[in-house]
Amino acid sequence: MDQFELALEKMSEMSEEQLNQLIDMEKKKICICRTCPTSNQCMAENNEALFCILGKSNCEVDQVECICSKCPAHTNFEMKHESYCKEGSEKEQRLK
């Protein structure tokens, strides 16, 4: 079991409130989605980020450049995929 799978297991044991607090904290603490060249006004207006965990954007995505592999979350959790805003979360992409 890798770091990502361990993190998912821990998250599954949290209450919805705890999980939402963790997501909000991670969005502020380590997430770089908002600085990505692909991020757009629609994503900002909808407070979208942390796509690697939450899944793809509800906005239209015109991928300019992907910086997912430069994100601390990507490294810390040993993620294997990229383009989360367009392709879906790490979990979703692993299940494909």
N, C-alpha and C. Protein backbone atom coordinates (compact mmCIF):
# COMPACT_ATOMS: atom_id res chain seq x y z
N MET A 1 0.85 -1.18 0.00
CA MET A 1 0.00 0.00 0.00
C MET A 1 0.90 1.24 0.00
N ASP A 2 0.70 2.13 -0.97
CA ASP A 2 1.53 3.34 -1.05
C ASP A 2 0.92 4.47 -0.22
N GLN A 3 1.62 5.61 -0.18
CA GLN A 3 1.20 6.75 0.65
C GLN A 3 -0.19 7.25 0.28
N PHE A 4 -0.52 7.25 -1.02
CA PHE A 4 -1.84 7.72 -1.45
C PHE A 4 -2.93 6.81 -0.90
N GLU A 5 -2.73 5.52 -1.00
CA GLU A 5 -3.72 4.56 -0.50
C GLU A 5 -3.88 4.67 1.01
N LEU A 6 -2.77 4.87 1.72
CA LEU A 6 -2.83 5.07 3.17
C LEU A 6 -3.62 6.34 3.52
N ALA A 7 -3.39 7.41 2.77
CA ALA A 7 -4.11 8.67 3.01
C ALA A 7 -5.60 8.49 2.76
N LEU A 8 -5.96 7.78 1.69
CA LEU A 8 -7.38 7.53 1.41
C LEU A 8 -8.02 6.72 2.53
N GLU A 9 -7.30 5.76 3.04
CA GLU A 9 -7.82 4.94 4.13
C GLU A 9 -8.09 5.80 5.36
N LYS A 10 -7.14 6.67 5.71
CA LYS A 10 -7.31 7.55 6.86
C LYS A 10 -8.48 8.51 6.64
N MET A 11 -8.60 9.03 5.42
CA MET A 11 -9.67 9.97 5.11
C MET A 11 -11.03 9.27 5.20
N SER A 12 -11.11 8.01 4.85
CA SER A 12 -12.38 7.28 4.91
C SER A 12 -12.87 7.10 6.34
N GLU A 13 -11.98 7.22 7.30
CA GLU A 13 -12.34 7.07 8.71
C GLU A 13 -12.78 8.39 9.34
N MET A 14 -12.66 9.49 8.61
CA MET A 14 -13.01 10.81 9.15
C MET A 14 -14.49 11.09 8.96
N SER A 15 -15.00 11.94 9.86
CA SER A 15 -16.37 12.43 9.68
C SER A 15 -16.37 13.39 8.49
N GLU A 16 -17.54 13.69 7.98
CA GLU A 16 -17.64 14.61 6.85
C GLU A 16 -17.08 15.98 7.22
N GLU A 17 -17.35 16.42 8.44
CA GLU A 17 -16.85 17.71 8.91
C GLU A 17 -15.32 17.72 8.98
N GLN A 18 -14.74 16.67 9.53
CA GLN A 18 -13.28 16.57 9.61
C GLN A 18 -12.66 16.55 8.21
N LEU A 19 -13.28 15.80 7.31
CA LEU A 19 -12.77 15.71 5.95
C LEU A 19 -12.82 17.06 5.25
N ASN A 20 -13.92 17.78 5.41
CA ASN A 20 -14.03 19.11 4.80
C ASN A 20 -13.01 20.08 5.36
N GLN A 21 -12.75 20.00 6.67
CA GLN A 21 -11.74 20.85 7.29
C GLN A 21 -10.35 20.52 6.74
N LEU A 22 -10.06 19.24 6.59
CA LEU A 22 -8.78 18.81 6.03
C LEU A 22 -8.62 19.30 4.59
N ILE A 23 -9.65 19.16 3.79
CA ILE A 23 -9.60 19.61 2.40
C ILE A 23 -9.36 21.11 2.33
N ASP A 24 -10.08 21.88 3.14
CA ASP A 24 -9.88 23.34 3.15
C ASP A 24 -8.46 23.70 3.56
N MET A 25 -7.94 23.00 4.57
CA MET A 25 -6.58 23.26 5.03
C MET A 25 -5.56 22.92 3.94
N GLU A 26 -5.73 21.78 3.28
CA GLU A 26 -4.79 21.38 2.24
C GLU A 26 -4.85 22.31 1.04
N LYS A 27 -6.03 22.81 0.71
CA LYS A 27 -6.15 23.78 -0.38
C LYS A 27 -5.30 25.01 -0.10
N LYS A 28 -5.28 25.44 1.15
CA LYS A 28 -4.52 26.63 1.54
C LYS A 28 -3.05 26.33 1.77
N LYS A 29 -2.76 25.15 2.29
CA LYS A 29 -1.41 24.82 2.73
C LYS A 29 -0.48 24.37 1.61
N ILE A 30 -0.90 23.39 0.81
CA ILE A 30 0.03 22.82 -0.17
C ILE A 30 -0.44 22.84 -1.62
N CYS A 31 -1.71 23.03 -1.84
CA CYS A 31 -2.27 22.94 -3.20
C CYS A 31 -1.74 24.07 -4.10
N ILE A 32 -1.30 23.70 -5.30
CA ILE A 32 -0.80 24.69 -6.25
C ILE A 32 -1.73 24.85 -7.47
N CYS A 33 -2.90 24.24 -7.41
CA CYS A 33 -3.83 24.28 -8.55
C CYS A 33 -4.12 25.70 -9.02
N ARG A 34 -4.29 26.61 -8.08
CA ARG A 34 -4.67 27.99 -8.45
C ARG A 34 -3.55 28.74 -9.15
N THR A 35 -2.32 28.25 -9.04
CA THR A 35 -1.19 28.90 -9.72
C THR A 35 -0.86 28.23 -11.05
N CYS A 36 -1.59 27.19 -11.38
CA CYS A 36 -1.33 26.44 -12.62
C CYS A 36 -1.73 27.28 -13.84
N PRO A 37 -0.94 27.24 -14.90
CA PRO A 37 -1.28 27.96 -16.12
C PRO A 37 -2.63 27.52 -16.72
N THR A 38 -3.07 26.33 -16.40
CA THR A 38 -4.35 25.83 -16.91
C THR A 38 -5.54 26.36 -16.10
N SER A 39 -5.30 26.77 -14.87
CA SER A 39 -6.37 27.29 -14.03
C SER A 39 -7.00 28.51 -14.71
N ASN A 40 -8.33 28.60 -14.60
CA ASN A 40 -9.01 29.70 -15.29
C ASN A 40 -9.98 30.42 -14.35
N GLN A 41 -10.62 31.43 -14.87
CA GLN A 41 -11.51 32.27 -14.06
C GLN A 41 -12.68 31.46 -13.51
N CYS A 42 -13.22 30.57 -14.30
CA CYS A 42 -14.34 29.73 -13.84
C CYS A 42 -13.93 28.92 -12.62
N MET A 43 -12.75 28.33 -12.66
CA MET A 43 -12.26 27.54 -11.52
C MET A 43 -12.10 28.42 -10.29
N ALA A 44 -11.58 29.62 -10.48
CA ALA A 44 -11.39 30.55 -9.36
C ALA A 44 -12.73 30.98 -8.77
N GLU A 45 -13.68 31.31 -9.63
CA GLU A 45 -15.00 31.74 -9.17
C GLU A 45 -15.73 30.63 -8.40
N ASN A 46 -15.45 29.38 -8.75
CA ASN A 46 -16.10 28.24 -8.10
C ASN A 46 -15.25 27.65 -6.97
N ASN A 47 -14.15 28.34 -6.63
CA ASN A 47 -13.25 27.92 -5.56
C ASN A 47 -12.78 26.48 -5.75
N GLU A 48 -12.50 26.12 -7.00
CA GLU A 48 -12.03 24.78 -7.29
C GLU A 48 -10.52 24.68 -7.13
N ALA A 49 -10.09 23.57 -6.58
CA ALA A 49 -8.67 23.26 -6.39
C ALA A 49 -8.59 21.84 -5.85
N LEU A 50 -7.41 21.37 -5.58
CA LEU A 50 -7.16 20.04 -5.03
C LEU A 50 -7.82 18.97 -5.91
N PHE A 51 -7.66 19.16 -7.21
CA PHE A 51 -8.27 18.25 -8.18
C PHE A 51 -7.76 16.82 -8.03
N CYS A 52 -6.53 16.66 -7.55
CA CYS A 52 -5.95 15.32 -7.39
C CYS A 52 -6.74 14.48 -6.40
N ILE A 53 -7.43 15.13 -5.48
CA ILE A 53 -8.25 14.44 -4.49
C ILE A 53 -9.74 14.56 -4.82
N LEU A 54 -10.17 15.75 -5.22
CA LEU A 54 -11.58 16.02 -5.41
C LEU A 54 -12.12 15.66 -6.80
N GLY A 55 -11.24 15.50 -7.77
CA GLY A 55 -11.69 15.15 -9.11
C GLY A 55 -11.67 16.32 -10.06
N LYS A 56 -12.06 16.02 -11.29
CA LYS A 56 -11.93 17.03 -12.35
C LYS A 56 -12.84 18.22 -12.15
N SER A 57 -12.48 19.29 -12.82
CA SER A 57 -13.19 20.55 -12.73
C SER A 57 -14.56 20.45 -13.36
N ASN A 58 -15.48 21.25 -12.85
CA ASN A 58 -16.80 21.38 -13.46
C ASN A 58 -16.78 22.43 -14.56
N CYS A 59 -15.65 23.09 -14.71
CA CYS A 59 -15.48 24.12 -15.73
C CYS A 59 -14.89 23.51 -17.00
N GLU A 60 -15.00 24.25 -18.08
CA GLU A 60 -14.34 23.83 -19.31
C GLU A 60 -12.83 23.99 -19.11
N VAL A 61 -12.07 22.96 -19.45
CA VAL A 61 -10.63 22.98 -19.24
C VAL A 61 -9.91 23.01 -20.57
N ASP A 62 -9.17 24.09 -20.78
CA ASP A 62 -8.29 24.21 -21.94
C ASP A 62 -6.87 24.08 -21.39
N GLN A 63 -6.34 22.87 -21.44
CA GLN A 63 -5.05 22.63 -20.79
C GLN A 63 -3.92 23.38 -21.49
N VAL A 64 -3.29 24.27 -20.75
CA VAL A 64 -2.19 25.08 -21.23
C VAL A 64 -0.87 24.39 -20.89
N GLU A 65 -0.71 24.06 -19.63
CA GLU A 65 0.48 23.39 -19.12
C GLU A 65 0.07 22.70 -17.83
N CYS A 66 0.59 21.52 -17.57
CA CYS A 66 0.28 20.79 -16.34
C CYS A 66 1.46 20.88 -15.38
N ILE A 67 1.18 21.34 -14.16
CA ILE A 67 2.24 21.41 -13.14
C ILE A 67 1.95 20.48 -11.96
N CYS A 68 1.04 19.53 -12.15
CA CYS A 68 0.66 18.62 -11.06
C CYS A 68 1.86 17.94 -10.42
N SER A 69 2.81 17.51 -11.21
CA SER A 69 3.96 16.78 -10.67
C SER A 69 4.86 17.66 -9.79
N LYS A 70 4.67 18.97 -9.84
CA LYS A 70 5.45 19.89 -9.01
C LYS A 70 4.79 20.17 -7.67
N CYS A 71 3.58 19.68 -7.49
CA CYS A 71 2.83 19.93 -6.26
C CYS A 71 3.34 19.06 -5.12
N PRO A 72 3.47 19.63 -3.92
CA PRO A 72 3.89 18.83 -2.77
C PRO A 72 2.96 17.63 -2.51
N ALA A 73 1.67 17.79 -2.74
CA ALA A 73 0.74 16.67 -2.54
C ALA A 73 1.08 15.51 -3.47
N HIS A 74 1.40 15.84 -4.70
CA HIS A 74 1.74 14.82 -5.69
C HIS A 74 2.93 13.99 -5.23
N THR A 75 3.93 14.66 -4.69
CA THR A 75 5.14 13.99 -4.21
C THR A 75 4.88 13.27 -2.89
N ASN A 76 4.29 13.98 -1.93
CA ASN A 76 4.06 13.43 -0.59
C ASN A 76 3.21 12.16 -0.62
N PHE A 77 2.23 12.13 -1.50
CA PHE A 77 1.31 11.00 -1.55
C PHE A 77 1.64 10.01 -2.67
N GLU A 78 2.82 10.17 -3.26
CA GLU A 78 3.29 9.24 -4.30
C GLU A 78 2.26 9.04 -5.41
N MET A 79 1.72 10.14 -5.88
CA MET A 79 0.72 10.07 -6.97
C MET A 79 1.42 9.75 -8.28
N LYS A 80 0.69 9.10 -9.15
CA LYS A 80 1.27 8.59 -10.39
C LYS A 80 0.74 9.27 -11.65
N HIS A 81 -0.33 10.02 -11.53
CA HIS A 81 -0.97 10.62 -12.69
C HIS A 81 -0.83 12.14 -12.69
N GLU A 82 -1.41 12.78 -13.69
CA GLU A 82 -1.41 14.24 -13.81
C GLU A 82 -2.71 14.67 -14.46
N SER A 83 -2.80 15.95 -14.77
CA SER A 83 -3.97 16.53 -15.45
C SER A 83 -5.26 16.24 -14.70
N TYR A 84 -5.21 16.37 -13.38
CA TYR A 84 -6.36 16.04 -12.54
C TYR A 84 -7.57 16.91 -12.83
N CYS A 85 -7.36 18.18 -13.16
CA CYS A 85 -8.49 19.07 -13.43
C CYS A 85 -9.25 18.64 -14.67
N LYS A 86 -8.58 17.93 -15.54
CA LYS A 86 -9.19 17.49 -16.80
C LYS A 86 -9.54 16.00 -16.79
N GLU A 87 -8.69 15.18 -16.17
CA GLU A 87 -8.83 13.73 -16.25
C GLU A 87 -9.47 13.09 -15.02
N GLY A 88 -9.54 13.80 -13.91
CA GLY A 88 -10.12 13.25 -12.69
C GLY A 88 -9.07 13.02 -11.62
N SER A 89 -9.52 12.67 -10.44
CA SER A 89 -8.64 12.50 -9.29
C SER A 89 -7.66 11.35 -9.49
N GLU A 90 -6.68 11.29 -8.61
CA GLU A 90 -5.73 10.18 -8.64
C GLU A 90 -6.47 8.85 -8.51
N LYS A 91 -7.41 8.79 -7.61
CA LYS A 91 -8.19 7.56 -7.39
C LYS A 91 -8.95 7.18 -8.66
N GLU A 92 -9.62 8.15 -9.27
CA GLU A 92 -10.38 7.88 -10.50
C GLU A 92 -9.46 7.38 -11.61
N GLN A 93 -8.30 8.02 -11.76
CA GLN A 93 -7.39 7.63 -12.82
C GLN A 93 -6.78 6.25 -12.57
N ARG A 94 -6.55 5.91 -11.30
CA ARG A 94 -6.01 4.58 -10.98
C ARG A 94 -7.02 3.50 -11.30
N LEU A 95 -8.31 3.81 -11.21
CA LEU A 95 -9.36 2.82 -11.46
C LEU A 95 -9.65 2.61 -12.95
N LYS A 96 -9.11 3.47 -13.79
CA LYS A 96 -9.37 3.35 -15.24
C LYS A 96 -8.65 2.15 -15.81
